[in-house]
N, C-alpha and C. Protein backbone atom coordinates (compact mmCIF):
# COMPACT_ATOMS: atom_id res chain seq x y z
N MET A 1 58.93 170.07 146.93
CA MET A 1 59.27 171.08 147.92
C MET A 1 58.70 170.69 149.29
N ARG A 2 57.44 170.25 149.26
CA ARG A 2 56.78 169.88 150.51
C ARG A 2 57.50 168.69 151.15
N LYS A 3 57.94 167.73 150.32
CA LYS A 3 58.63 166.55 150.82
C LYS A 3 59.96 166.91 151.47
N VAL A 4 60.70 167.83 150.86
CA VAL A 4 61.98 168.28 151.41
C VAL A 4 61.76 168.99 152.74
N MET A 5 60.72 169.83 152.81
CA MET A 5 60.45 170.58 154.04
C MET A 5 60.05 169.63 155.16
N LEU A 6 59.22 168.63 154.84
CA LEU A 6 58.79 167.65 155.84
C LEU A 6 59.99 166.85 156.36
N THR A 7 60.88 166.44 155.46
CA THR A 7 62.08 165.71 155.86
C THR A 7 62.96 166.57 156.74
N THR A 8 63.11 167.83 156.42
CA THR A 8 63.94 168.74 157.22
C THR A 8 63.34 168.93 158.61
N LEU A 9 62.03 169.11 158.69
CA LEU A 9 61.39 169.29 160.00
C LEU A 9 61.50 168.03 160.84
N LEU A 10 61.32 166.87 160.21
CA LEU A 10 61.44 165.61 160.93
C LEU A 10 62.86 165.42 161.45
N GLY A 11 63.84 165.73 160.64
CA GLY A 11 65.25 165.62 161.05
C GLY A 11 65.55 166.55 162.21
N ALA A 12 65.04 167.77 162.16
CA ALA A 12 65.27 168.73 163.25
C ALA A 12 64.63 168.25 164.54
N ALA A 13 63.43 167.68 164.44
CA ALA A 13 62.75 167.17 165.64
C ALA A 13 63.52 166.02 166.26
N LEU A 14 63.99 165.11 165.43
CA LEU A 14 64.77 163.98 165.94
C LEU A 14 66.08 164.45 166.56
N PHE A 15 66.75 165.42 165.94
CA PHE A 15 68.01 165.92 166.47
C PHE A 15 67.80 166.60 167.81
N SER A 16 66.72 167.37 167.95
CA SER A 16 66.47 168.06 169.22
C SER A 16 66.17 167.06 170.33
N GLN A 17 65.44 165.97 170.00
CA GLN A 17 65.19 164.93 171.00
C GLN A 17 66.49 164.25 171.41
N TYR A 18 67.37 163.98 170.45
CA TYR A 18 68.65 163.34 170.74
C TYR A 18 69.49 164.25 171.63
N ALA A 19 69.47 165.55 171.38
CA ALA A 19 70.25 166.49 172.18
C ALA A 19 69.77 166.49 173.63
N VAL A 20 68.45 166.39 173.85
CA VAL A 20 67.91 166.35 175.21
C VAL A 20 68.32 165.05 175.90
N ILE A 21 68.24 163.95 175.18
CA ILE A 21 68.63 162.66 175.75
C ILE A 21 70.12 162.65 176.07
N ALA A 22 70.94 163.20 175.21
CA ALA A 22 72.38 163.20 175.42
C ALA A 22 72.77 164.01 176.65
N GLN A 23 71.97 165.02 177.00
CA GLN A 23 72.29 165.85 178.16
C GLN A 23 71.80 165.22 179.47
N ALA A 24 70.85 164.31 179.40
CA ALA A 24 70.29 163.68 180.60
C ALA A 24 71.34 162.78 181.25
N ASP A 25 71.24 162.65 182.57
CA ASP A 25 72.14 161.74 183.28
C ASP A 25 71.77 160.30 182.96
N VAL A 26 72.78 159.48 182.74
CA VAL A 26 72.56 158.08 182.43
C VAL A 26 72.54 157.30 183.73
N SER A 27 71.47 156.53 183.93
CA SER A 27 71.36 155.70 185.12
C SER A 27 71.48 154.25 184.67
N SER A 28 72.38 153.51 185.30
CA SER A 28 72.58 152.12 184.90
C SER A 28 72.87 151.27 186.13
N LEU A 29 72.98 149.96 185.90
CA LEU A 29 73.31 149.04 186.99
C LEU A 29 74.72 149.28 187.50
N ARG A 30 75.54 149.92 186.68
CA ARG A 30 76.91 150.23 187.09
C ARG A 30 76.94 151.35 188.13
N GLY A 31 75.83 152.05 188.28
CA GLY A 31 75.76 153.13 189.25
C GLY A 31 76.11 154.46 188.62
N ALA A 32 76.53 155.39 189.43
CA ALA A 32 76.82 156.74 188.96
C ALA A 32 78.26 156.89 188.48
N ASN A 33 78.95 155.80 188.24
CA ASN A 33 80.34 155.86 187.78
C ASN A 33 80.40 156.42 186.37
N ASN A 34 81.38 157.27 186.14
CA ASN A 34 81.62 157.78 184.80
C ASN A 34 82.05 156.61 183.93
N LEU A 35 81.48 156.50 182.75
CA LEU A 35 81.78 155.37 181.88
C LEU A 35 83.21 155.40 181.36
N ASP A 36 83.85 156.57 181.36
CA ASP A 36 85.23 156.67 180.91
C ASP A 36 86.22 156.29 182.00
N ALA A 37 85.78 156.36 183.26
CA ALA A 37 86.66 156.04 184.38
C ALA A 37 86.72 154.54 184.59
N PRO A 38 87.84 154.03 185.11
CA PRO A 38 87.91 152.58 185.38
C PRO A 38 86.88 152.19 186.45
N ALA A 39 86.32 151.01 186.31
CA ALA A 39 85.33 150.53 187.26
C ALA A 39 86.01 150.13 188.56
N LYS A 40 85.28 150.26 189.65
CA LYS A 40 85.79 149.83 190.95
C LYS A 40 85.80 148.31 190.99
N ALA A 41 86.76 147.76 191.71
CA ALA A 41 86.83 146.31 191.85
C ALA A 41 85.61 145.82 192.62
N VAL A 42 85.02 144.76 192.15
CA VAL A 42 83.83 144.20 192.77
C VAL A 42 84.26 143.17 193.81
N ALA A 43 83.67 143.25 194.98
CA ALA A 43 83.97 142.27 196.02
C ALA A 43 83.39 140.93 195.62
N LYS A 44 84.14 139.86 195.84
CA LYS A 44 83.64 138.52 195.51
C LYS A 44 82.48 138.18 196.42
N LYS A 45 81.50 137.52 195.83
CA LYS A 45 80.33 137.10 196.60
C LYS A 45 80.64 135.82 197.36
N LYS A 46 80.07 135.71 198.52
CA LYS A 46 80.27 134.54 199.35
C LYS A 46 79.39 133.40 198.82
N GLN A 47 79.97 132.24 198.64
CA GLN A 47 79.20 131.12 198.12
C GLN A 47 78.31 130.54 199.21
N MET A 48 77.13 130.13 198.81
CA MET A 48 76.16 129.58 199.75
C MET A 48 76.51 128.13 200.08
N LYS A 49 76.18 127.75 201.24
CA LYS A 49 76.33 126.35 201.66
C LYS A 49 74.93 125.77 201.80
N VAL A 50 74.34 125.37 200.68
CA VAL A 50 72.98 124.85 200.67
C VAL A 50 73.05 123.36 200.40
N GLN A 51 72.56 122.57 201.32
CA GLN A 51 72.56 121.12 201.13
C GLN A 51 71.56 120.77 200.03
N GLY A 52 72.03 120.14 198.98
CA GLY A 52 71.16 119.73 197.89
C GLY A 52 70.94 120.79 196.83
N GLY A 53 71.34 122.00 197.08
CA GLY A 53 71.22 123.06 196.08
C GLY A 53 69.84 123.68 196.01
N PHE A 54 69.70 124.61 195.06
CA PHE A 54 68.43 125.29 194.83
C PHE A 54 67.51 124.41 194.00
N ASP A 55 66.21 124.63 194.15
CA ASP A 55 65.25 124.00 193.25
C ASP A 55 65.37 124.67 191.89
N ARG A 56 65.03 123.94 190.86
CA ARG A 56 65.07 124.51 189.51
C ARG A 56 63.85 125.38 189.27
N SER A 57 64.03 126.44 188.51
CA SER A 57 62.93 127.37 188.22
C SER A 57 62.07 126.89 187.06
N TRP A 58 62.62 126.12 186.15
CA TRP A 58 61.86 125.55 185.05
C TRP A 58 62.36 124.14 184.79
N LYS A 59 61.59 123.37 184.03
CA LYS A 59 61.80 121.93 183.90
C LYS A 59 63.20 121.55 183.42
N LEU A 60 63.71 122.16 182.38
CA LEU A 60 64.99 121.76 181.80
C LEU A 60 66.15 122.68 182.20
N GLN A 61 65.99 123.41 183.29
CA GLN A 61 67.05 124.29 183.75
C GLN A 61 68.26 123.47 184.19
N PRO A 62 69.46 123.83 183.77
CA PRO A 62 70.65 123.12 184.28
C PRO A 62 70.77 123.35 185.78
N PRO A 63 71.06 122.32 186.56
CA PRO A 63 71.17 122.51 188.01
C PRO A 63 72.35 123.42 188.34
N SER A 64 72.18 124.20 189.40
CA SER A 64 73.28 125.07 189.84
C SER A 64 74.25 124.26 190.68
N ILE A 65 75.47 124.76 190.80
CA ILE A 65 76.56 124.04 191.47
C ILE A 65 76.58 124.44 192.95
N PRO A 66 76.38 123.50 193.88
CA PRO A 66 76.31 123.85 195.29
C PRO A 66 77.66 123.84 196.01
N HIS A 67 78.76 123.88 195.27
CA HIS A 67 80.08 123.89 195.90
C HIS A 67 80.98 124.88 195.18
N SER A 68 82.10 125.18 195.78
CA SER A 68 83.05 126.12 195.19
C SER A 68 83.68 125.53 193.93
N ILE A 69 83.86 126.36 192.91
CA ILE A 69 84.52 125.91 191.68
C ILE A 69 85.77 126.74 191.39
N GLU A 70 86.24 127.47 192.39
CA GLU A 70 87.40 128.34 192.19
C GLU A 70 88.65 127.57 191.78
N LYS A 71 88.83 126.37 192.29
CA LYS A 71 90.03 125.59 191.98
C LYS A 71 89.82 124.64 190.80
N ASP A 72 88.59 124.54 190.31
CA ASP A 72 88.32 123.66 189.17
C ASP A 72 88.87 124.29 187.90
N ARG A 73 89.34 123.42 187.00
CA ARG A 73 89.90 123.86 185.73
C ARG A 73 89.20 123.13 184.59
N ILE A 74 88.81 123.89 183.59
CA ILE A 74 88.23 123.31 182.39
C ILE A 74 88.98 123.91 181.20
N SER A 75 89.69 123.05 180.50
CA SER A 75 90.42 123.48 179.31
C SER A 75 90.25 122.39 178.26
N LEU A 76 90.89 122.55 177.11
CA LEU A 76 90.79 121.54 176.07
C LEU A 76 91.40 120.21 176.50
N ARG A 77 92.37 120.26 177.41
CA ARG A 77 93.06 119.04 177.84
C ARG A 77 92.54 118.48 179.17
N GLU A 78 91.83 119.28 179.94
CA GLU A 78 91.48 118.86 181.30
C GLU A 78 90.12 119.42 181.70
N ASN A 79 89.34 118.60 182.39
CA ASN A 79 88.08 119.02 182.97
C ASN A 79 88.00 118.39 184.36
N THR A 80 88.29 119.17 185.38
CA THR A 80 88.33 118.62 186.74
C THR A 80 86.94 118.25 187.27
N CYS A 81 85.88 118.71 186.63
CA CYS A 81 84.53 118.32 187.04
C CYS A 81 84.34 116.82 186.88
N MET A 82 85.01 116.24 185.89
CA MET A 82 84.85 114.81 185.60
C MET A 82 85.47 113.92 186.66
N LYS A 83 86.32 114.48 187.53
CA LYS A 83 86.90 113.67 188.62
C LYS A 83 85.82 113.16 189.56
N CYS A 84 84.74 113.91 189.67
CA CYS A 84 83.65 113.50 190.56
C CYS A 84 82.37 113.13 189.82
N HIS A 85 82.09 113.74 188.68
CA HIS A 85 80.78 113.61 188.04
C HIS A 85 80.75 112.68 186.84
N SER A 86 81.86 112.03 186.50
CA SER A 86 81.88 111.12 185.35
C SER A 86 81.18 109.80 185.69
N LYS A 87 80.87 109.00 184.67
CA LYS A 87 80.23 107.70 184.88
C LYS A 87 81.09 106.79 185.76
N ALA A 88 82.39 106.90 185.61
CA ALA A 88 83.30 106.01 186.35
C ALA A 88 83.43 106.40 187.82
N ASN A 89 83.25 107.68 188.17
CA ASN A 89 83.57 108.14 189.52
C ASN A 89 82.40 108.62 190.36
N PHE A 90 81.23 108.84 189.79
CA PHE A 90 80.18 109.53 190.54
C PHE A 90 79.70 108.75 191.76
N LYS A 91 79.64 107.42 191.69
CA LYS A 91 79.20 106.64 192.86
C LYS A 91 80.21 106.69 193.98
N LYS A 92 81.48 106.54 193.62
CA LYS A 92 82.55 106.57 194.63
C LYS A 92 82.63 107.94 195.30
N GLU A 93 82.42 109.01 194.54
CA GLU A 93 82.52 110.38 195.06
C GLU A 93 81.20 110.88 195.67
N LYS A 94 80.13 110.08 195.53
CA LYS A 94 78.80 110.45 196.02
C LYS A 94 78.36 111.79 195.44
N ALA A 95 78.56 111.92 194.14
CA ALA A 95 78.20 113.14 193.41
C ALA A 95 77.19 112.79 192.32
N PRO A 96 76.39 113.75 191.88
CA PRO A 96 75.46 113.46 190.79
C PRO A 96 76.22 113.17 189.49
N GLU A 97 75.73 112.21 188.74
CA GLU A 97 76.34 111.89 187.45
C GLU A 97 75.86 112.90 186.42
N ILE A 98 76.72 113.23 185.46
CA ILE A 98 76.27 114.14 184.40
C ILE A 98 75.17 113.45 183.60
N GLY A 99 74.26 114.23 183.06
CA GLY A 99 73.09 113.70 182.38
C GLY A 99 73.42 112.93 181.11
N GLU A 100 72.51 112.03 180.75
CA GLU A 100 72.68 111.24 179.53
C GLU A 100 72.75 112.12 178.29
N SER A 101 72.09 113.27 178.32
CA SER A 101 72.11 114.17 177.16
C SER A 101 73.51 114.68 176.87
N HIS A 102 74.39 114.64 177.84
CA HIS A 102 75.77 115.11 177.64
C HIS A 102 76.59 114.12 176.79
N TYR A 103 76.08 112.92 176.61
CA TYR A 103 76.77 111.90 175.82
C TYR A 103 76.20 111.75 174.40
N VAL A 104 75.34 112.66 174.00
CA VAL A 104 74.72 112.59 172.67
C VAL A 104 75.43 113.57 171.75
N ALA A 105 75.89 113.07 170.60
CA ALA A 105 76.58 113.91 169.62
C ALA A 105 75.55 114.72 168.82
N ARG A 106 76.03 115.63 168.04
CA ARG A 106 75.18 116.50 167.24
C ARG A 106 74.30 115.70 166.28
N ASP A 107 74.84 114.60 165.75
CA ASP A 107 74.07 113.77 164.80
C ASP A 107 73.15 112.77 165.50
N GLY A 108 73.12 112.77 166.84
CA GLY A 108 72.23 111.90 167.59
C GLY A 108 72.86 110.59 168.05
N SER A 109 74.10 110.34 167.67
CA SER A 109 74.76 109.10 168.09
C SER A 109 75.20 109.20 169.56
N ILE A 110 75.25 108.07 170.23
CA ILE A 110 75.64 108.00 171.64
C ILE A 110 77.16 107.81 171.72
N LEU A 111 77.80 108.63 172.56
CA LEU A 111 79.26 108.61 172.71
C LEU A 111 79.67 107.94 174.02
N ASP A 112 80.94 107.54 174.10
CA ASP A 112 81.48 106.97 175.33
C ASP A 112 81.91 108.04 176.32
N LYS A 113 82.25 109.20 175.83
CA LYS A 113 82.66 110.32 176.68
C LYS A 113 81.76 111.51 176.37
N PRO A 114 81.74 112.54 177.24
CA PRO A 114 80.85 113.67 177.00
C PRO A 114 81.12 114.34 175.65
N SER A 115 80.06 114.78 175.03
CA SER A 115 80.15 115.47 173.75
C SER A 115 80.94 116.76 173.92
N SER A 116 81.65 117.15 172.88
CA SER A 116 82.43 118.39 172.95
C SER A 116 81.50 119.59 173.12
N ARG A 117 80.24 119.46 172.73
CA ARG A 117 79.28 120.56 172.91
C ARG A 117 78.89 120.72 174.38
N ARG A 118 79.10 119.70 175.19
CA ARG A 118 78.72 119.74 176.61
C ARG A 118 79.92 119.67 177.53
N TYR A 119 81.10 119.87 177.01
CA TYR A 119 82.34 119.67 177.77
C TYR A 119 82.62 120.81 178.75
N PHE A 120 82.28 122.03 178.39
CA PHE A 120 82.58 123.19 179.23
C PHE A 120 81.39 123.45 180.16
N CYS A 121 81.43 122.81 181.33
CA CYS A 121 80.31 122.73 182.26
C CYS A 121 79.76 124.10 182.67
N ASN A 122 80.65 125.06 182.94
CA ASN A 122 80.18 126.34 183.49
C ASN A 122 79.60 127.27 182.42
N GLN A 123 79.39 126.78 181.21
CA GLN A 123 78.61 127.55 180.25
C GLN A 123 77.13 127.48 180.61
N CYS A 124 76.70 126.39 181.21
CA CYS A 124 75.29 126.22 181.58
C CYS A 124 75.10 126.15 183.09
N HIS A 125 76.00 125.48 183.78
CA HIS A 125 75.88 125.30 185.23
C HIS A 125 76.64 126.42 185.93
N THR A 126 75.94 127.11 186.83
CA THR A 126 76.53 128.24 187.53
C THR A 126 76.62 127.97 189.01
N PRO A 127 77.63 128.51 189.69
CA PRO A 127 77.73 128.30 191.14
C PRO A 127 76.67 129.11 191.88
N GLN A 128 76.23 128.58 193.01
CA GLN A 128 75.27 129.28 193.85
C GLN A 128 76.00 130.36 194.64
N LEU A 129 75.45 131.56 194.64
CA LEU A 129 76.06 132.67 195.37
C LEU A 129 75.05 133.30 196.31
N ASP A 130 75.55 133.79 197.41
CA ASP A 130 74.73 134.53 198.35
C ASP A 130 74.78 135.99 197.91
N ALA A 131 73.93 136.35 196.98
CA ALA A 131 73.97 137.69 196.40
C ALA A 131 72.55 138.24 196.28
N THR A 132 72.43 139.53 196.48
CA THR A 132 71.14 140.17 196.25
C THR A 132 71.00 140.44 194.77
N PRO A 133 69.80 140.25 194.22
CA PRO A 133 69.62 140.49 192.79
C PRO A 133 69.84 141.96 192.43
N LEU A 134 70.38 142.21 191.23
CA LEU A 134 70.57 143.58 190.77
C LEU A 134 69.25 144.24 190.45
N VAL A 135 68.32 143.47 189.93
CA VAL A 135 66.97 143.99 189.62
C VAL A 135 65.95 143.03 190.21
N GLU A 136 64.75 143.54 190.48
CA GLU A 136 63.70 142.72 191.06
C GLU A 136 63.30 141.64 190.06
N ASN A 137 63.08 140.43 190.55
CA ASN A 137 62.74 139.32 189.70
C ASN A 137 61.58 138.56 190.34
N THR A 138 60.52 138.38 189.60
CA THR A 138 59.37 137.62 190.11
C THR A 138 59.21 136.31 189.36
N PHE A 139 60.27 135.86 188.71
CA PHE A 139 60.21 134.64 187.90
C PHE A 139 60.10 133.42 188.78
C-alpha cells in the first residue's frame, strides 16, 4: 500500500512539474517564432575576404575555405574542388594541395586518388563567413 501511494505521489509531482514547464514560453535560437509557423527566410551571410584564411583553433582542425563555394559541385561523378586542389593541378592553380591523409584507404593502403571517405570536402571544410555567433564562444 505504501509503495503504491509513494508511486502515485511521485507521478503527481512529476506531472505538475511538466504542466508548469509546458505552459512556460519556450526561448530558443530560432527566436520568438511559433514552432508551427513557417520560418522566415534567412538572409545569406556575406563571405569574408581574408587573405590566407583563419588560423586553426586546434591542431587537427580542417582548414576553412577562404573563397566562395556557391558554384562548386560535389557529386558522385564530379568534384570541382579537385580542379584546383588535386595533386596534378595545385601548383598551376597556386592552391593548397589536399592532405596526404585524404589518400589513405580505410585499411591503411595508399591510393592514387582521394579516398571515398574524404571525397565530399564540405563535410569537414566550411566556408568562412562574416557572421556574428549565435551564442557566446570563448573557445
